[in-house]
C-alpha atoms as a PDB file:
ATOM      1  CA  MET A   1      -2.655 -47.964  95.509  1.00  0.00           C
ATOM      2  CA  PRO A   2       0.070 -49.348  97.785  1.00  0.00           C
ATOM      3  CA  ARG A   3       3.362 -50.470  96.315  1.00  0.00           C
ATOM      4  CA  PHE A   4       4.267 -51.889  99.727  1.00  0.00           C
ATOM      5  CA  LEU A   5       2.079 -53.858 102.096  1.00  0.00           C
ATOM      6  CA  THR A   6       3.327 -54.679 105.574  1.00  0.00           C
ATOM      7  CA  PHE A   7       1.862 -57.587 107.521  1.00  0.00           C
ATOM      8  CA  THR A   8       2.148 -57.412 111.316  1.00  0.00           C
ATOM      9  CA  PRO A   9       0.776 -60.620 112.862  1.00  0.00           C
ATOM     10  CA  ASN A  10       1.139 -59.451 116.469  1.00  0.00           C
ATOM     11  CA  PRO A  11       1.088 -55.623 116.700  1.00  0.00           C
ATOM     12  CA  ALA A  12       1.513 -53.685 119.910  1.00  0.00           C
ATOM     13  CA  LEU A  13       0.930 -50.310 121.460  1.00  0.00           C
ATOM     14  CA  ASP A  14       4.479 -49.248 122.328  1.00  0.00           C
ATOM     15  CA  VAL A  15       4.818 -47.261 125.551  1.00  0.00           C
ATOM     16  CA  SER A  16       8.186 -45.805 126.560  1.00  0.00           C
ATOM     17  CA  THR A  17       9.227 -43.854 129.628  1.00  0.00           C
ATOM     18  CA  SER A  18      12.263 -43.058 131.815  1.00  0.00           C
ATOM     19  CA  VAL A  19      13.113 -43.418 135.505  1.00  0.00           C
ATOM     20  CA  ASP A  20      16.152 -42.427 137.507  1.00  0.00           C
ATOM     21  CA  GLN A  21      16.832 -45.967 138.676  1.00  0.00           C
ATOM     22  CA  LEU A  22      15.037 -49.314 138.624  1.00  0.00           C
ATOM     23  CA  VAL A  23      14.684 -50.459 142.235  1.00  0.00           C
ATOM     24  CA  ASP A  24      12.620 -53.414 143.378  1.00  0.00           C
ATOM     25  CA  ALA A  25       9.783 -52.999 145.903  1.00  0.00           C
ATOM     26  CA  HIS A  26       9.655 -49.209 145.376  1.00  0.00           C
ATOM     27  CA  LYS A  27       7.201 -46.949 143.624  1.00  0.00           C
ATOM     28  CA  LEU A  28       9.110 -45.666 140.596  1.00  0.00           C
ATOM     29  CA  ARG A  29       8.104 -42.208 139.428  1.00  0.00           C
ATOM     30  CA  CYS A  30       8.190 -42.279 135.632  1.00  0.00           C
ATOM     31  CA  ASP A  31       8.341 -39.521 133.053  1.00  0.00           C
ATOM     32  CA  ALA A  32       5.256 -38.858 130.923  1.00  0.00           C
ATOM     33  CA  PRO A  33       5.020 -41.812 128.519  1.00  0.00           C
ATOM     34  CA  LEU A  34       5.550 -41.680 124.775  1.00  0.00           C
ATOM     35  CA  VAL A  35       2.989 -43.853 122.977  1.00  0.00           C
ATOM     36  CA  HIS A  36       3.374 -45.084 119.392  1.00  0.00           C
ATOM     37  CA  PRO A  37       1.806 -47.756 117.191  1.00  0.00           C
ATOM     38  CA  GLY A  38       4.210 -50.691 117.105  1.00  0.00           C
ATOM     39  CA  GLY A  39       5.095 -54.151 115.965  1.00  0.00           C
ATOM     40  CA  GLY A  40       7.652 -54.935 113.260  1.00  0.00           C
ATOM     41  CA  GLY A  41       5.507 -54.481 110.162  1.00  0.00           C
ATOM     42  CA  ILE A  42       3.748 -51.415 111.530  1.00  0.00           C
ATOM     43  CA  ASN A  43       7.085 -49.746 112.239  1.00  0.00           C
ATOM     44  CA  VAL A  44       8.235 -50.591 108.714  1.00  0.00           C
ATOM     45  CA  ALA A  45       5.045 -49.025 107.334  1.00  0.00           C
ATOM     46  CA  ARG A  46       5.549 -45.866 109.400  1.00  0.00           C
ATOM     47  CA  VAL A  47       9.058 -45.398 108.033  1.00  0.00           C
ATOM     48  CA  LEU A  48       8.054 -46.192 104.449  1.00  0.00           C
ATOM     49  CA  HIS A  49       5.301 -43.590 104.719  1.00  0.00           C
ATOM     50  CA  ARG A  50       7.777 -40.972 105.959  1.00  0.00           C
ATOM     51  CA  LEU A  51      10.061 -41.753 103.043  1.00  0.00           C
ATOM     52  CA  GLY A  52       7.215 -41.044 100.627  1.00  0.00           C
ATOM     53  CA  ALA A  53       6.312 -44.614  99.679  1.00  0.00           C
ATOM     54  CA  GLN A  54       2.802 -45.818  98.933  1.00  0.00           C
ATOM     55  CA  VAL A  55       2.189 -48.300 101.733  1.00  0.00           C
ATOM     56  CA  GLN A  56      -0.590 -49.980 103.667  1.00  0.00           C
ATOM     57  CA  ALA A  57      -0.301 -51.732 107.024  1.00  0.00           C
ATOM     58  CA  LEU A  58      -2.260 -54.961 107.487  1.00  0.00           C
ATOM     59  CA  TYR A  59      -2.703 -56.186 111.073  1.00  0.00           C
ATOM     60  CA  PRO A  60      -5.237 -57.596 113.573  1.00  0.00           C
ATOM     61  CA  ALA A  61      -6.729 -55.163 116.094  1.00  0.00           C
ATOM     62  CA  GLY A  62      -8.775 -55.909 119.177  1.00  0.00           C
ATOM     63  CA  GLY A  63     -10.262 -54.022 122.090  1.00  0.00           C
ATOM     64  CA  ALA A  64      -9.520 -50.501 123.249  1.00  0.00           C
ATOM     65  CA  THR A  65      -5.773 -50.951 122.693  1.00  0.00           C
ATOM     66  CA  GLY A  66      -6.382 -51.973 119.095  1.00  0.00           C
ATOM     67  CA  GLU A  67      -8.606 -48.934 118.550  1.00  0.00           C
ATOM     68  CA  ARG A  68      -5.956 -46.637 119.973  1.00  0.00           C
ATOM     69  CA  LEU A  69      -3.248 -48.205 117.805  1.00  0.00           C
ATOM     70  CA  HIS A  70      -5.411 -47.657 114.720  1.00  0.00           C
ATOM     71  CA  GLY A  71      -6.042 -44.054 115.746  1.00  0.00           C
ATOM     72  CA  LEU A  72      -2.327 -43.371 116.189  1.00  0.00           C
ATOM     73  CA  LEU A  73      -1.570 -44.778 112.745  1.00  0.00           C
ATOM     74  CA  MET A  74      -4.275 -42.593 111.239  1.00  0.00           C
ATOM     75  CA  ALA A  75      -2.817 -39.577 113.029  1.00  0.00           C
ATOM     76  CA  GLU A  76       0.514 -40.269 111.322  1.00  0.00           C
ATOM     77  CA  GLY A  77      -1.243 -40.582 107.975  1.00  0.00           C
ATOM     78  CA  VAL A  78      -0.349 -44.243 107.471  1.00  0.00           C
ATOM     79  CA  PRO A  79      -3.096 -46.084 105.529  1.00  0.00           C
ATOM     80  CA  ASP A  80      -4.041 -49.330 107.198  1.00  0.00           C
ATOM     81  CA  LEU A  81      -6.113 -52.452 106.689  1.00  0.00           C
ATOM     82  CA  CYS A  82      -6.913 -53.839 110.108  1.00  0.00           C
ATOM     83  CA  TRP A  83      -9.241 -56.699 110.814  1.00  0.00           C
ATOM     84  CA  THR A  84     -11.120 -57.115 114.086  1.00  0.00           C
ATOM     85  CA  ILE A  85     -10.249 -59.873 116.534  1.00  0.00           C
ATOM     86  CA  ALA A  86     -11.884 -60.835 119.823  1.00  0.00           C
ATOM     87  CA  GLY A  87      -8.742 -60.518 121.967  1.00  0.00           C
ATOM     88  CA  GLU A  88      -7.122 -57.307 123.182  1.00  0.00           C
ATOM     89  CA  THR A  89      -4.139 -55.956 121.251  1.00  0.00           C
ATOM     90  CA  ARG A  90      -1.064 -56.113 123.472  1.00  0.00           C
ATOM     91  CA  GLU A  91       1.121 -53.394 124.933  1.00  0.00           C
ATOM     92  CA  SER A  92       4.914 -53.322 125.087  1.00  0.00           C
ATOM     93  CA  TRP A  93       6.878 -51.210 127.552  1.00  0.00           C
ATOM     94  CA  THR A  94      10.352 -49.729 127.225  1.00  0.00           C
ATOM     95  CA  VAL A  95      11.942 -48.170 130.312  1.00  0.00           C
ATOM     96  CA  HIS A  96      15.131 -46.115 130.107  1.00  0.00           C
ATOM     97  CA  GLU A  97      17.164 -46.029 133.326  1.00  0.00           C
ATOM     98  CA  ARG A  98      18.861 -42.651 133.408  1.00  0.00           C
ATOM     99  CA  GLU A  99      21.474 -43.562 136.029  1.00  0.00           C
ATOM    100  CA  SER A 100      22.991 -46.411 134.001  1.00  0.00           C
ATOM    101  CA  GLY A 101      21.797 -45.567 130.485  1.00  0.00           C
ATOM    102  CA  ARG A 102      20.351 -49.076 130.204  1.00  0.00           C
ATOM    103  CA  GLU A 103      17.133 -49.788 128.356  1.00  0.00           C
ATOM    104  CA  TYR A 104      14.672 -52.413 129.594  1.00  0.00           C
ATOM    105  CA  ARG A 105      11.965 -53.907 127.384  1.00  0.00           C
ATOM    106  CA  PHE A 106       8.826 -55.581 128.694  1.00  0.00           C
ATOM    107  CA  VAL A 107       6.985 -57.472 125.946  1.00  0.00           C
ATOM    108  CA  LEU A 108       3.550 -58.929 126.636  1.00  0.00           C
ATOM    109  CA  PRO A 109       2.428 -62.050 124.722  1.00  0.00           C
ATOM    110  CA  GLY A 110      -0.651 -60.529 123.112  1.00  0.00           C
ATOM    111  CA  PRO A 111      -4.008 -62.074 122.209  1.00  0.00           C
ATOM    112  CA  THR A 112      -4.713 -65.588 120.984  1.00  0.00           C
ATOM    113  CA  LEU A 113      -6.063 -65.644 117.429  1.00  0.00           C
ATOM    114  CA  SER A 114      -8.563 -68.246 116.345  1.00  0.00           C
ATOM    115  CA  ALA A 115      -8.064 -70.156 113.090  1.00  0.00           C
ATOM    116  CA  ALA A 116     -10.880 -68.113 111.542  1.00  0.00           C
ATOM    117  CA  GLU A 117      -9.309 -64.821 112.620  1.00  0.00           C
ATOM    118  CA  TRP A 118      -5.940 -65.770 111.137  1.00  0.00           C
ATOM    119  CA  ALA A 119      -7.591 -66.919 107.913  1.00  0.00           C
ATOM    120  CA  GLU A 120      -9.311 -63.541 107.695  1.00  0.00           C
ATOM    121  CA  GLY A 121      -5.934 -61.806 107.751  1.00  0.00           C
ATOM    122  CA  LEU A 122      -4.561 -64.006 104.968  1.00  0.00           C
ATOM    123  CA  MET A 123      -7.713 -63.389 102.950  1.00  0.00           C
ATOM    124  CA  GLY A 124      -7.243 -59.656 103.451  1.00  0.00           C
ATOM    125  CA  LEU A 125      -3.810 -59.937 101.843  1.00  0.00           C
ATOM    126  CA  ARG A 126      -5.212 -61.876  98.897  1.00  0.00           C
ATOM    127  CA  ARG A 127      -7.902 -59.255  98.337  1.00  0.00           C
ATOM    128  CA  VAL A 128      -5.622 -56.211  98.103  1.00  0.00           C
ATOM    129  CA  SER A 129      -6.160 -54.812  94.623  1.00  0.00           C
ATOM    130  CA  PRO A 130      -4.095 -54.067  92.727  1.00  0.00           C
ATOM    131  CA  SER A 131      -1.551 -56.362  94.314  1.00  0.00           C
ATOM    132  CA  PRO A 132       1.436 -54.724  96.013  1.00  0.00           C
ATOM    133  CA  ALA A 133       4.922 -55.161  94.576  1.00  0.00           C
ATOM    134  CA  TRP A 134       6.316 -55.908  98.042  1.00  0.00           C
ATOM    135  CA  VAL A 135       4.963 -57.750 101.078  1.00  0.00           C
ATOM    136  CA  VAL A 136       6.969 -57.187 104.262  1.00  0.00           C
ATOM    137  CA  SER A 137       5.998 -59.618 107.023  1.00  0.00           C
ATOM    138  CA  SER A 138       7.702 -58.727 110.268  1.00  0.00           C
ATOM    139  CA  GLY A 139       7.557 -59.541 113.946  1.00  0.00           C
ATOM    140  CA  SER A 140       6.464 -62.362 116.190  1.00  0.00           C
ATOM    141  CA  LEU A 141       3.473 -64.590 115.576  1.00  0.00           C
ATOM    142  CA  PRO A 142       0.501 -64.353 117.949  1.00  0.00           C
ATOM    143  CA  GLN A 143      -0.633 -67.187 120.144  1.00  0.00           C
ATOM    144  CA  GLY A 144      -2.911 -69.555 118.276  1.00  0.00           C
ATOM    145  CA  VAL A 145      -0.982 -69.208 114.996  1.00  0.00           C
ATOM    146  CA  ALA A 146       1.308 -72.067 113.999  1.00  0.00           C
ATOM    147  CA  ALA A 147       5.000 -71.562 113.276  1.00  0.00           C
ATOM    148  CA  GLU A 148       4.128 -71.628 109.571  1.00  0.00           C
ATOM    149  CA  GLY A 149       2.452 -68.212 109.867  1.00  0.00           C
ATOM    150  CA  HIS A 150       5.071 -66.234 107.949  1.00  0.00           C
ATOM    151  CA  ALA A 151       5.383 -69.114 105.453  1.00  0.00           C
ATOM    152  CA  GLN A 152       1.645 -68.887 104.801  1.00  0.00           C
ATOM    153  CA  ILE A 153       2.032 -65.166 104.157  1.00  0.00           C
ATOM    154  CA  ALA A 154       4.930 -65.961 101.805  1.00  0.00           C
ATOM    155  CA  ARG A 155       2.744 -68.345  99.805  1.00  0.00           C
ATOM    156  CA  VAL A 156       0.081 -65.681  99.383  1.00  0.00           C
ATOM    157  CA  ALA A 157       2.728 -63.108  98.407  1.00  0.00           C
ATOM    158  CA  LYS A 158       4.044 -65.441  95.698  1.00  0.00           C
ATOM    159  CA  ALA A 159       0.517 -66.114  94.462  1.00  0.00           C
ATOM    160  CA  ILE A 160      -0.153 -62.399  93.980  1.00  0.00           C
ATOM    161  CA  GLY A 161       3.252 -61.766  92.389  1.00  0.00           C
ATOM    162  CA  ALA A 162       4.830 -59.762  95.221  1.00  0.00           C
ATOM    163  CA  ARG A 163       8.394 -59.844  96.545  1.00  0.00           C
ATOM    164  CA  MET A 164       8.266 -61.415 100.000  1.00  0.00           C
ATOM    165  CA  VAL A 165      10.401 -59.941 102.778  1.00  0.00           C
ATOM    166  CA  VAL A 166      10.529 -61.563 106.208  1.00  0.00           C
ATOM    167  CA  ASP A 167      11.976 -60.422 109.529  1.00  0.00           C
ATOM    168  CA  SER A 168      11.300 -62.912 112.299  1.00  0.00           C
ATOM    169  CA  SER A 169      13.100 -65.523 114.385  1.00  0.00           C
ATOM    170  CA  GLY A 170      13.048 -69.090 115.611  1.00  0.00           C
ATOM    171  CA  ALA A 171      10.707 -71.683 114.156  1.00  0.00           C
ATOM    172  CA  ALA A 172       8.687 -69.013 112.330  1.00  0.00           C
ATOM    173  CA  LEU A 173      11.784 -67.867 110.441  1.00  0.00           C
ATOM    174  CA  ILE A 174      12.832 -71.435 109.631  1.00  0.00           C
ATOM    175  CA  ALA A 175       9.383 -72.172 108.179  1.00  0.00           C
ATOM    176  CA  ALA A 176       9.382 -68.976 106.101  1.00  0.00           C
ATOM    177  CA  LEU A 177      12.810 -69.772 104.646  1.00  0.00           C
ATOM    178  CA  ALA A 178      11.681 -73.310 103.805  1.00  0.00           C
ATOM    179  CA  GLN A 179       8.913 -71.709 101.755  1.00  0.00           C
ATOM    180  CA  GLY A 180      11.405 -69.326 100.119  1.00  0.00           C
ATOM    181  CA  VAL A 181      11.460 -65.514 100.308  1.00  0.00           C
ATOM    182  CA  TRP A 182      12.994 -62.689  98.304  1.00  0.00           C
ATOM    183  CA  LEU A 183      14.741 -60.966 101.223  1.00  0.00           C
ATOM    184  CA  VAL A 184      15.428 -61.989 104.801  1.00  0.00           C
ATOM    185  CA  LYS A 185      16.931 -59.829 107.576  1.00  0.00           C
ATOM    186  CA  PRO A 186      18.426 -62.040 110.301  1.00  0.00           C
ATOM    187  CA  SER A 187      20.626 -60.925 113.155  1.00  0.00           C
ATOM    188  CA  LEU A 188      24.010 -62.617 113.530  1.00  0.00           C
ATOM    189  CA  ARG A 189      22.603 -64.751 116.358  1.00  0.00           C
ATOM    190  CA  GLU A 190      19.620 -65.811 114.233  1.00  0.00           C
ATOM    191  CA  LEU A 191      21.835 -66.719 111.269  1.00  0.00           C
ATOM    192  CA  ALA A 192      24.116 -68.745 113.540  1.00  0.00           C
ATOM    193  CA  GLU A 193      21.090 -70.646 114.839  1.00  0.00           C
ATOM    194  CA  LEU A 194      19.911 -71.316 111.283  1.00  0.00           C
ATOM    195  CA  THR A 195      23.259 -72.675 110.120  1.00  0.00           C
ATOM    196  CA  HIS A 196      24.347 -74.296 113.433  1.00  0.00           C
ATOM    197  CA  GLU A 197      27.756 -72.643 113.090  1.00  0.00           C
ATOM    198  CA  ASP A 198      29.858 -70.158 115.042  1.00  0.00           C
ATOM    199  CA  LEU A 199      29.976 -67.154 112.730  1.00  0.00           C
ATOM    200  CA  THR A 200      32.895 -65.292 114.226  1.00  0.00           C
ATOM    201  CA  THR A 201      34.594 -64.049 111.056  1.00  0.00           C
ATOM    202  CA  PRO A 202      33.335 -62.040 108.062  1.00  0.00           C
ATOM    203  CA  LEU A 203      34.146 -64.994 105.792  1.00  0.00           C
ATOM    204  CA  GLN A 204      32.001 -67.345 107.887  1.00  0.00           C
ATOM    205  CA  GLN A 205      29.206 -64.799 107.967  1.00  0.00           C
ATOM    206  CA  ARG A 206      29.270 -64.338 104.202  1.00  0.00           C
ATOM    207  CA  GLN A 207      29.351 -68.081 103.583  1.00  0.00           C
ATOM    208  CA  ALA A 208      26.413 -68.642 105.944  1.00  0.00           C
ATOM    209  CA  ALA A 209      24.340 -65.990 104.172  1.00  0.00           C
ATOM    210  CA  ARG A 210      25.235 -67.538 100.817  1.00  0.00           C
ATOM    211  CA  GLN A 211      24.044 -70.920 102.070  1.00  0.00           C
ATOM    212  CA  LEU A 212      20.512 -69.524 102.361  1.00  0.00           C
ATOM    213  CA  ILE A 213      20.735 -68.187  98.818  1.00  0.00           C
ATOM    214  CA  GLU A 214      22.190 -71.389  97.341  1.00  0.00           C
ATOM    215  CA  ARG A 215      19.427 -73.432  98.968  1.00  0.00           C
ATOM    216  CA  GLY A 216      16.778 -71.214  97.396  1.00  0.00           C
ATOM    217  CA  GLN A 217      15.601 -69.974 100.773  1.00  0.00           C
ATOM    218  CA  ALA A 218      16.264 -66.311  99.944  1.00  0.00           C
ATOM    219  CA  GLN A 219      17.540 -64.224  97.054  1.00  0.00           C
ATOM    220  CA  MET A 220      19.067 -61.580  99.302  1.00  0.00           C
ATOM    221  CA  VAL A 221      20.243 -61.567 102.923  1.00  0.00           C
ATOM    222  CA  ALA A 222      20.548 -58.392 104.989  1.00  0.00           C
ATOM    223  CA  LEU A 223      22.625 -59.487 107.972  1.00  0.00           C
ATOM    224  CA  SER A 224      22.548 -57.278 111.053  1.00  0.00           C
ATOM    225  CA  LEU A 225      25.886 -57.272 112.891  1.00  0.00           C
ATOM    226  CA  GLY A 226      25.051 -54.865 115.726  1.00  0.00           C
ATOM    227  CA  PRO A 227      28.016 -52.616 116.535  1.00  0.00           C
ATOM    228  CA  GLU A 228      29.904 -54.155 113.587  1.00  0.00           C
ATOM    229  CA  GLY A 229      27.393 -52.770 111.087  1.00  0.00           C
ATOM    230  CA  ALA A 230      25.609 -54.908 108.513  1.00  0.00           C
ATOM    231  CA  MET A 231      26.152 -57.080 105.440  1.00  0.00           C
ATOM    232  CA  LEU A 232      24.064 -57.219 102.282  1.00  0.00           C
ATOM    233  CA  VAL A 233      24.607 -60.484 100.428  1.00  0.00           C
ATOM    234  CA  THR A 234      23.345 -61.758  97.071  1.00  0.00           C
ATOM    235  CA  ALA A 235      24.561 -64.597  94.841  1.00  0.00           C
ATOM    236  CA  GLU A 236      26.916 -62.159  93.094  1.00  0.00           C
ATOM    237  CA  GLN A 237      27.767 -59.501  95.667  1.00  0.00           C
ATOM    238  CA  CYS A 238      28.664 -59.069  99.316  1.00  0.00           C
ATOM    239  CA  LEU A 239      28.791 -55.602 100.856  1.00  0.00           C
ATOM    240  CA  HIS A 240      29.676 -54.575 104.378  1.00  0.00           C
ATOM    241  CA  ALA A 241      28.685 -51.259 105.956  1.00  0.00           C
ATOM    242  CA  ALA A 242      30.334 -49.976 109.111  1.00  0.00           C
ATOM    243  CA  ALA A 243      28.081 -48.787 111.926  1.00  0.00           C
ATOM    244  CA  LEU A 244      27.683 -45.037 112.311  1.00  0.00           C
ATOM    245  CA  SER A 245      28.621 -43.302 115.547  1.00  0.00           C
ATOM    246  CA  VAL A 246      25.539 -41.382 116.703  1.00  0.00           C
ATOM    247  CA  PRO A 247      24.039 -40.356 120.072  1.00  0.00           C
ATOM    248  CA  LEU A 248      22.189 -43.325 121.573  1.00  0.00           C
ATOM    249  CA  ARG A 249      18.686 -42.675 122.869  1.00  0.00           C
ATOM    250  CA  SER A 250      16.837 -45.891 122.069  1.00  0.00           C
ATOM    251  CA  THR A 251      17.512 -48.989 119.995  1.00  0.00           C
ATOM    252  CA  VAL A 252      13.816 -49.861 119.684  1.00  0.00           C
ATOM    253  CA  GLY A 253      12.729 -49.842 116.046  1.00  0.00           C
ATOM    254  CA  ALA A 254      16.239 -49.428 114.616  1.00  0.00           C
ATOM    255  CA  GLY A 255      16.033 -52.755 112.782  1.00  0.00           C
ATOM    256  CA  ASP A 256      12.585 -51.909 111.424  1.00  0.00           C
ATOM    257  CA  SER A 257      13.852 -48.545 110.192  1.00  0.00           C
ATOM    258  CA  PHE A 258      16.807 -50.305 108.539  1.00  0.00           C
ATOM    259  CA  LEU A 259      14.506 -52.763 106.756  1.00  0.00           C
ATOM    260  CA  ALA A 260      12.028 -50.121 105.610  1.00  0.00           C
ATOM    261  CA  ALA A 261      14.746 -47.920 104.129  1.00  0.00           C
ATOM    262  CA  LEU A 262      16.399 -50.925 102.490  1.00  0.00           C
ATOM    263  CA  VAL A 263      13.322 -52.113 100.593  1.00  0.00           C
ATOM    264  CA  TRP A 264      12.387 -48.521  99.745  1.00  0.00           C
ATOM    265  CA  ALA A 265      15.814 -47.913  98.211  1.00  0.00           C
ATOM    266  CA  LEU A 266      15.840 -51.266  96.411  1.00  0.00           C
ATOM    267  CA  ASP A 267      12.483 -50.400  94.900  1.00  0.00           C
ATOM    268  CA  GLN A 268      13.915 -47.143  93.553  1.00  0.00           C
ATOM    269  CA  GLN A 269      16.886 -48.703  91.732  1.00  0.00           C
ATOM    270  CA  ASP A 270      19.184 -51.725  91.647  1.00  0.00           C
ATOM    271  CA  ASP A 271      22.078 -50.000  93.407  1.00  0.00           C
ATOM    272  CA  LEU A 272      22.959 -52.255  96.330  1.00  0.00           C
ATOM    273  CA  ARG A 273      25.536 -49.852  97.754  1.00  0.00           C
ATOM    274  CA  LEU A 274      23.087 -46.974  97.887  1.00  0.00           C
ATOM    275  CA  ALA A 275      20.387 -49.240  99.314  1.00  0.00           C
ATOM    276  CA  LEU A 276      22.657 -50.468 102.103  1.00  0.00           C
ATOM    277  CA  ALA A 277      23.859 -46.927 102.870  1.00  0.00           C
ATOM    278  CA  THR A 278      20.249 -45.729 103.080  1.00  0.00           C
ATOM    279  CA  ALA A 279      19.329 -48.598 105.388  1.00  0.00           C
ATOM    280  CA  MET A 280      22.292 -47.966 107.686  1.00  0.00           C
ATOM    281  CA  ALA A 281      21.424 -44.279 107.854  1.00  0.00           C
ATOM    282  CA  ALA A 282      17.815 -45.062 108.780  1.00  0.00           C
ATOM    283  CA  GLY A 283      18.865 -47.463 111.530  1.00  0.00           C
ATOM    284  CA  ALA A 284      21.258 -44.879 112.969  1.00  0.00           C
ATOM    285  CA  ALA A 285      18.621 -42.145 112.750  1.00  0.00           C
ATOM    286  CA  ALA A 286      16.197 -44.336 114.711  1.00  0.00           C
ATOM    287  CA  VAL A 287      18.786 -44.850 117.457  1.00  0.00           C
ATOM    288  CA  MET A 288      18.930 -41.064 117.842  1.00  0.00           C
ATOM    289  CA  SER A 289      15.166 -40.884 118.554  1.00  0.00           C
ATOM    290  CA  SER A 290      13.473 -41.506 121.894  1.00  0.00           C
ATOM    291  CA  GLY A 291      11.246 -44.520 122.444  1.00  0.00           C
ATOM    292  CA  THR A 292       9.750 -45.814 119.205  1.00  0.00           C
ATOM    293  CA  ALA A 293       9.691 -42.481 117.395  1.00  0.00           C
ATOM    294  CA  LEU A 294      11.778 -44.154 114.639  1.00  0.00           C
ATOM    295  CA  CYS A 295      13.817 -42.298 112.019  1.00  0.00           C
ATOM    296  CA  GLN A 296      13.169 -38.988 110.275  1.00  0.00           C
ATOM    297  CA  PRO A 297      13.823 -38.522 106.526  1.00  0.00           C
ATOM    298  CA  GLN A 298      16.079 -35.506 106.967  1.00  0.00           C
ATOM    299  CA  ASP A 299      18.349 -37.496 109.293  1.00  0.00           C
ATOM    300  CA  VAL A 300      18.426 -40.409 106.859  1.00  0.00           C
ATOM    301  CA  ALA A 301      19.496 -38.134 103.996  1.00  0.00           C
ATOM    302  CA  ARG A 302      22.208 -36.498 106.095  1.00  0.00           C
ATOM    303  CA  LEU A 303      23.640 -39.689 107.600  1.00  0.00           C
ATOM    304  CA  ARG A 304      23.624 -41.635 104.337  1.00  0.00           C
ATOM    305  CA  GLU A 305      26.604 -39.608 103.098  1.00  0.00           C
ATOM    306  CA  GLN A 306      28.627 -40.789 106.114  1.00  0.00           C
ATOM    307  CA  VAL A 307      28.175 -44.537 105.602  1.00  0.00           C
ATOM    308  CA  LEU A 308      31.341 -46.414 104.634  1.00  0.00           C
ATOM    309  CA  ILE A 309      30.783 -49.517 102.490  1.00  0.00           C
ATOM    310  CA  GLU A 310      33.332 -52.123 101.425  1.00  0.00           C
ATOM    311  CA  THR A 311      33.182 -55.298  99.368  1.00  0.00           C
ATOM    312  CA  CYS A 312      33.370 -58.349 101.609  1.00  0.00           C
END
C-alpha cells in the first residue's frame, strides 16, 4: 500500500515543443511535441515512483484529456486514484525558443469543479486504506474550489494521521498554513508575500522561515532560492545548499522533483543534510531533461555527491 499519496487538484496534460523563434502573425513550425502527465502532485508522484517509493496519485480527470493523462501515468507504472469530473482536464504548453534559449509557458485555467466533485476527491483521500504516512498536496486549485482547498486536504491528512506537505501559492497557501502543515515549500517571492518583508539577506530569509514555524504554521520550511540554491529550516536547524551548475534544458518540474526527493529522503532517515542534498540533486537533474521529463534516479545519485551544504 502507498506510503505517499499525492493530491493534484488541477492536473494537466503537459505538452512541450521547440521553435526557432517566436514571431507574431506567422505560422510557427514546431518540433514533434513531448507529452507527459502533469500538475504538481502528479509530477511529485512520478519522481517518487522512480525513486522506488510506494506512491499513489489522487486527482480529478475529465474528458479525452483526462483519459490520456491517466493512460500516460499507467504507462509509467505510477498507481493512481482518479475520480471522474464533468469538465475536460486542461493542457499546458511549454515552448522553447532555440534562438534565444528562452522558455515560454502557456497555462490554461482548467475545468470548473462542482462542490460534489470536490467533495468526492476529499472522500477519496479519507478512504485510502491503510492511510499513507505522507500526503503531498501540490499545485493550483481548480475553478469552483475555494481558497481553502489545500487547507481542507490538510485537515483530512491530520485526521488520518499523515504528514501534510503543501506546495502552492497565494490565498490557497495562506489558508493551508493557517490550518498548519508539516512541510511547506515556498519560493522566495512567496515567502516574502507571506511575511510582507523584503527578504534580501540570508538572515532575513531564515528569520522569515522561522516565523512560520514559531506560529505553528509549519514544522519545516524548504525555501527555494532559484540560482542561489535552497534553504531547509526547522526550529533547531538551518541549512543552505548552493545551486548546482548543470546544462539547462527546461526548468519545468524542477521544483516538483526537488520536493519529491526531499520527502523521499526524509522518510528514509532524519538526516537533514542528506535530504537537502538529494532534493537539490533531483531539481538539477530535472533541469537537464527536456520538457517535463523530470529527473532520473541515476542523475540524482551522481549529482548528490556534488551538493555543497552549509549551516545558515
